[in-house]
C-alpha atoms as a PDB file:
ATOM      1  CA  MET A   1     -13.300   7.757 -33.460  1.00  0.00           C
ATOM      2  CA  ARG A   2     -11.550   5.703 -30.778  1.00  0.00           C
ATOM      3  CA  ILE A   3     -13.710   3.281 -28.778  1.00  0.00           C
ATOM      4  CA  PRO A   4     -12.987   3.716 -25.041  1.00  0.00           C
ATOM      5  CA  ARG A   5     -12.163   0.648 -22.946  1.00  0.00           C
ATOM      6  CA  ILE A   6     -13.811   0.821 -19.511  1.00  0.00           C
ATOM      7  CA  TYR A   7     -13.279  -1.419 -16.458  1.00  0.00           C
ATOM      8  CA  THR A   8     -16.273  -2.624 -14.470  1.00  0.00           C
ATOM      9  CA  ASP A   9     -16.210  -4.998 -11.519  1.00  0.00           C
ATOM     10  CA  SER A  10     -19.643  -6.473 -12.222  1.00  0.00           C
ATOM     11  CA  ALA A  11     -20.244  -9.757 -14.022  1.00  0.00           C
ATOM     12  CA  LEU A  12     -21.017  -9.262 -17.708  1.00  0.00           C
ATOM     13  CA  THR A  13     -23.240 -11.585 -19.722  1.00  0.00           C
ATOM     14  CA  GLU A  14     -23.746 -11.664 -23.445  1.00  0.00           C
ATOM     15  CA  GLY A  15     -26.968  -9.928 -24.500  1.00  0.00           C
ATOM     16  CA  GLY A  16     -27.662  -8.584 -21.017  1.00  0.00           C
ATOM     17  CA  THR A  17     -27.749  -5.051 -19.700  1.00  0.00           C
ATOM     18  CA  ALA A  18     -25.326  -3.678 -17.154  1.00  0.00           C
ATOM     19  CA  ALA A  19     -25.176  -0.500 -15.120  1.00  0.00           C
ATOM     20  CA  LEU A  20     -21.688   0.971 -14.813  1.00  0.00           C
ATOM     21  CA  ASP A  21     -20.367   1.706 -11.330  1.00  0.00           C
ATOM     22  CA  ASP A  22     -20.144   5.312 -10.113  1.00  0.00           C
ATOM     23  CA  ASN A  23     -16.575   6.047 -11.264  1.00  0.00           C
ATOM     24  CA  ALA A  24     -17.016   4.486 -14.700  1.00  0.00           C
ATOM     25  CA  ALA A  25     -20.421   6.149 -15.193  1.00  0.00           C
ATOM     26  CA  GLN A  26     -19.013   9.544 -14.253  1.00  0.00           C
ATOM     27  CA  HIS A  27     -16.112   9.075 -16.665  1.00  0.00           C
ATOM     28  CA  VAL A  28     -18.364   8.014 -19.527  1.00  0.00           C
ATOM     29  CA  GLY A  29     -21.125  10.561 -18.807  1.00  0.00           C
ATOM     30  CA  ARG A  30     -19.171  13.651 -17.740  1.00  0.00           C
ATOM     31  CA  VAL A  31     -15.636  13.323 -19.063  1.00  0.00           C
ATOM     32  CA  LEU A  32     -16.241  11.562 -22.386  1.00  0.00           C
ATOM     33  CA  ARG A  33     -19.792  12.995 -22.764  1.00  0.00           C
ATOM     34  CA  MET A  34     -20.986   9.851 -24.501  1.00  0.00           C
ATOM     35  CA  GLN A  35     -24.604   9.596 -25.615  1.00  0.00           C
ATOM     36  CA  PRO A  36     -27.010   6.663 -26.087  1.00  0.00           C
ATOM     37  CA  GLY A  37     -26.147   4.630 -29.175  1.00  0.00           C
ATOM     38  CA  GLN A  38     -22.377   5.097 -28.883  1.00  0.00           C
ATOM     39  CA  GLU A  39     -20.131   2.076 -28.470  1.00  0.00           C
ATOM     40  CA  LEU A  40     -17.599   1.246 -25.804  1.00  0.00           C
ATOM     41  CA  LEU A  41     -15.575  -1.756 -24.740  1.00  0.00           C
ATOM     42  CA  LEU A  42     -16.025  -3.216 -21.238  1.00  0.00           C
ATOM     43  CA  PHE A  43     -13.737  -5.574 -19.348  1.00  0.00           C
ATOM     44  CA  ASN A  44     -13.945  -7.059 -15.862  1.00  0.00           C
ATOM     45  CA  GLY A  45     -10.794  -9.122 -15.414  1.00  0.00           C
ATOM     46  CA  ASP A  46     -11.984 -12.453 -16.804  1.00  0.00           C
ATOM     47  CA  GLY A  47      -9.757 -12.208 -19.904  1.00  0.00           C
ATOM     48  CA  ASN A  48     -12.479 -11.053 -22.293  1.00  0.00           C
ATOM     49  CA  ASP A  49     -13.497  -7.724 -23.764  1.00  0.00           C
ATOM     50  CA  TYR A  50     -17.221  -7.065 -24.072  1.00  0.00           C
ATOM     51  CA  PRO A  51     -18.369  -4.691 -26.810  1.00  0.00           C
ATOM     52  CA  ALA A  52     -21.295  -2.660 -25.488  1.00  0.00           C
ATOM     53  CA  THR A  53     -23.712  -0.008 -26.703  1.00  0.00           C
ATOM     54  CA  ILE A  54     -24.976   2.714 -24.401  1.00  0.00           C
ATOM     55  CA  SER A  55     -28.726   2.401 -23.918  1.00  0.00           C
ATOM     56  CA  SER A  56     -29.159   5.316 -21.491  1.00  0.00           C
ATOM     57  CA  ALA A  57     -26.684   7.872 -20.234  1.00  0.00           C
ATOM     58  CA  SER A  58     -26.677  10.740 -17.784  1.00  0.00           C
ATOM     59  CA  LYS A  59     -23.848  12.376 -15.879  1.00  0.00           C
ATOM     60  CA  LYS A  60     -24.082   9.910 -12.985  1.00  0.00           C
ATOM     61  CA  ASN A  61     -25.765   6.783 -14.424  1.00  0.00           C
ATOM     62  CA  VAL A  62     -24.944   4.815 -17.559  1.00  0.00           C
ATOM     63  CA  GLU A  63     -26.601   1.601 -18.712  1.00  0.00           C
ATOM     64  CA  VAL A  64     -25.224  -0.477 -21.548  1.00  0.00           C
ATOM     65  CA  GLN A  65     -26.330  -3.381 -23.712  1.00  0.00           C
ATOM     66  CA  VAL A  66     -23.565  -6.003 -23.646  1.00  0.00           C
ATOM     67  CA  GLY A  67     -22.503  -7.778 -26.852  1.00  0.00           C
ATOM     68  CA  THR A  68     -20.595 -10.974 -27.632  1.00  0.00           C
ATOM     69  CA  PRO A  69     -17.345 -11.363 -25.623  1.00  0.00           C
ATOM     70  CA  GLU A  70     -14.030 -11.339 -27.478  1.00  0.00           C
ATOM     71  CA  ALA A  71     -10.621 -12.526 -26.285  1.00  0.00           C
ATOM     72  CA  ASN A  72      -8.508  -9.733 -24.842  1.00  0.00           C
ATOM     73  CA  THR A  73      -5.477  -9.025 -27.035  1.00  0.00           C
ATOM     74  CA  THR A  74      -4.318  -5.742 -25.472  1.00  0.00           C
ATOM     75  CA  GLU A  75      -2.317  -7.161 -22.547  1.00  0.00           C
ATOM     76  CA  SER A  76       1.411  -7.352 -23.152  1.00  0.00           C
ATOM     77  CA  PRO A  77       2.855 -10.891 -23.203  1.00  0.00           C
ATOM     78  CA  LEU A  78       6.208  -9.559 -21.962  1.00  0.00           C
ATOM     79  CA  GLU A  79       7.536 -10.364 -18.519  1.00  0.00           C
ATOM     80  CA  ILE A  80       9.292  -7.472 -16.824  1.00  0.00           C
ATOM     81  CA  VAL A  81      12.359  -8.071 -14.678  1.00  0.00           C
ATOM     82  CA  LEU A  82      13.277  -5.219 -12.346  1.00  0.00           C
ATOM     83  CA  GLY A  83      16.749  -4.897 -10.862  1.00  0.00           C
ATOM     84  CA  GLN A  84      16.982  -2.846  -7.661  1.00  0.00           C
ATOM     85  CA  THR A  85      20.068  -2.056  -5.644  1.00  0.00           C
ATOM     86  CA  LEU A  86      19.955  -1.682  -1.885  1.00  0.00           C
ATOM     87  CA  SER A  87      18.881   1.798  -0.863  1.00  0.00           C
ATOM     88  CA  LYS A  88      19.013   3.658   2.416  1.00  0.00           C
ATOM     89  CA  GLY A  89      16.064   4.320   4.682  1.00  0.00           C
ATOM     90  CA  ASP A  90      12.604   4.686   3.234  1.00  0.00           C
ATOM     91  CA  ARG A  91      13.800   4.646  -0.367  1.00  0.00           C
ATOM     92  CA  MET A  92      13.929   0.846  -0.388  1.00  0.00           C
ATOM     93  CA  ASP A  93      10.416   0.659   1.075  1.00  0.00           C
ATOM     94  CA  TYR A  94       9.179   3.037  -1.629  1.00  0.00           C
ATOM     95  CA  ALA A  95      10.889   1.092  -4.445  1.00  0.00           C
ATOM     96  CA  VAL A  96       9.447  -2.257  -3.308  1.00  0.00           C
ATOM     97  CA  GLN A  97       5.996  -0.721  -2.820  1.00  0.00           C
ATOM     98  CA  LYS A  98       5.940   0.754  -6.342  1.00  0.00           C
ATOM     99  CA  ALA A  99       7.358  -2.392  -7.938  1.00  0.00           C
ATOM    100  CA  ALA A 100       4.750  -4.601  -6.267  1.00  0.00           C
ATOM    101  CA  SER A 101       1.704  -2.461  -7.017  1.00  0.00           C
ATOM    102  CA  PRO A 102      -0.140  -3.029 -10.313  1.00  0.00           C
ATOM    103  CA  PRO A 103      -0.621  -0.103 -12.678  1.00  0.00           C
ATOM    104  CA  ARG A 104      -3.750   1.941 -12.028  1.00  0.00           C
ATOM    105  CA  LYS A 105      -5.041   1.476 -15.589  1.00  0.00           C
ATOM    106  CA  SER A 106      -5.005  -2.328 -15.433  1.00  0.00           C
ATOM    107  CA  PRO A 107      -6.860  -3.785 -12.451  1.00  0.00           C
ATOM    108  CA  ARG A 108      -6.536  -7.307 -13.850  1.00  0.00           C
ATOM    109  CA  ARG A 109      -2.802  -7.467 -13.438  1.00  0.00           C
ATOM    110  CA  LYS A 110      -1.682  -9.542 -10.486  1.00  0.00           C
ATOM    111  CA  LYS A 111       1.221  -8.731  -8.203  1.00  0.00           C
ATOM    112  CA  LYS A 112       4.011 -10.878  -9.640  1.00  0.00           C
ATOM    113  CA  VAL A 113       6.983  -9.592  -7.676  1.00  0.00           C
ATOM    114  CA  SER A 114       9.485 -11.794  -5.948  1.00  0.00           C
ATOM    115  CA  CYS A 115      12.839 -10.644  -4.662  1.00  0.00           C
ATOM    116  CA  ARG A 116      16.044 -12.429  -5.495  1.00  0.00           C
ATOM    117  CA  TRP A 117      19.213 -12.442  -3.463  1.00  0.00           C
ATOM    118  CA  PRO A 118      21.241 -10.205  -2.962  1.00  0.00           C
ATOM    119  CA  SER A 119      18.462  -8.019  -1.727  1.00  0.00           C
ATOM    120  CA  ALA A 120      17.147  -6.996   1.643  1.00  0.00           C
ATOM    121  CA  PRO A 121      15.871 -10.181   3.311  1.00  0.00           C
ATOM    122  CA  GLY A 122      12.997  -8.389   5.027  1.00  0.00           C
ATOM    123  CA  TYR A 123      11.354  -7.676   1.669  1.00  0.00           C
ATOM    124  CA  CYS A 124      11.729 -11.054   0.005  1.00  0.00           C
ATOM    125  CA  GLU A 125       9.878 -14.328  -0.171  1.00  0.00           C
ATOM    126  CA  ARG A 126      13.071 -16.182   0.661  1.00  0.00           C
ATOM    127  CA  LYS A 127      16.060 -15.295   2.747  1.00  0.00           C
ATOM    128  CA  PRO A 128      19.594 -15.225   1.321  1.00  0.00           C
ATOM    129  CA  PRO A 129      21.919 -18.054   2.326  1.00  0.00           C
ATOM    130  CA  GLN A 130      24.284 -17.540   5.240  1.00  0.00           C
ATOM    131  CA  LEU A 131      27.626 -16.308   3.946  1.00  0.00           C
ATOM    132  CA  ARG A 132      30.973 -17.404   5.290  1.00  0.00           C
ATOM    133  CA  PRO A 133      33.612 -14.751   5.975  1.00  0.00           C
ATOM    134  CA  TRP A 134      35.891 -14.028   3.026  1.00  0.00           C
ATOM    135  CA  ARG A 135      39.477 -15.220   3.287  1.00  0.00           C
ATOM    136  CA  PHE A 136      42.110 -13.668   1.107  1.00  0.00           C
ATOM    137  CA  ALA A 137      45.349 -15.288   0.008  1.00  0.00           C
ATOM    138  CA  ASN A 138      47.386 -13.289   2.559  1.00  0.00           C
ATOM    139  CA  GLY A 139      45.326 -14.600   5.475  1.00  0.00           C
ATOM    140  CA  PHE A 140      43.383 -11.458   6.199  1.00  0.00           C
ATOM    141  CA  GLY A 141      39.650 -11.710   6.066  1.00  0.00           C
ATOM    142  CA  VAL A 142      36.494  -9.703   6.181  1.00  0.00           C
ATOM    143  CA  THR A 143      33.856 -10.712   8.696  1.00  0.00           C
END
């Protein structure tokens, strides 16, 4: 059977006990219907996974016995580059908002979004350079 990986925002120590927060306890107790003695994997954003065994479980409260921390190997080492064209109205706001927000399943992930020119200067860390008007060979230009 698959061992579920659960996020908790509390500090985890090896050999200690921890009570899961309300959302995590409800997920483990009601949705997964886990019982005392079953194993799960906890993480809190410090780069480690903590194997844990459920010591007591109800639908609203779950306490676990924390094991020895292991290095987290499930995060992808890939860097994602997103290209976005200029959009009209609220579509650009929506695209930047979704690109800058971390996925819901991974609270550890930081917001690593920076805009590059040519993009809307209001959304970027840096502003694009001032452009000179174009001059064509026939003397006509675009300003």
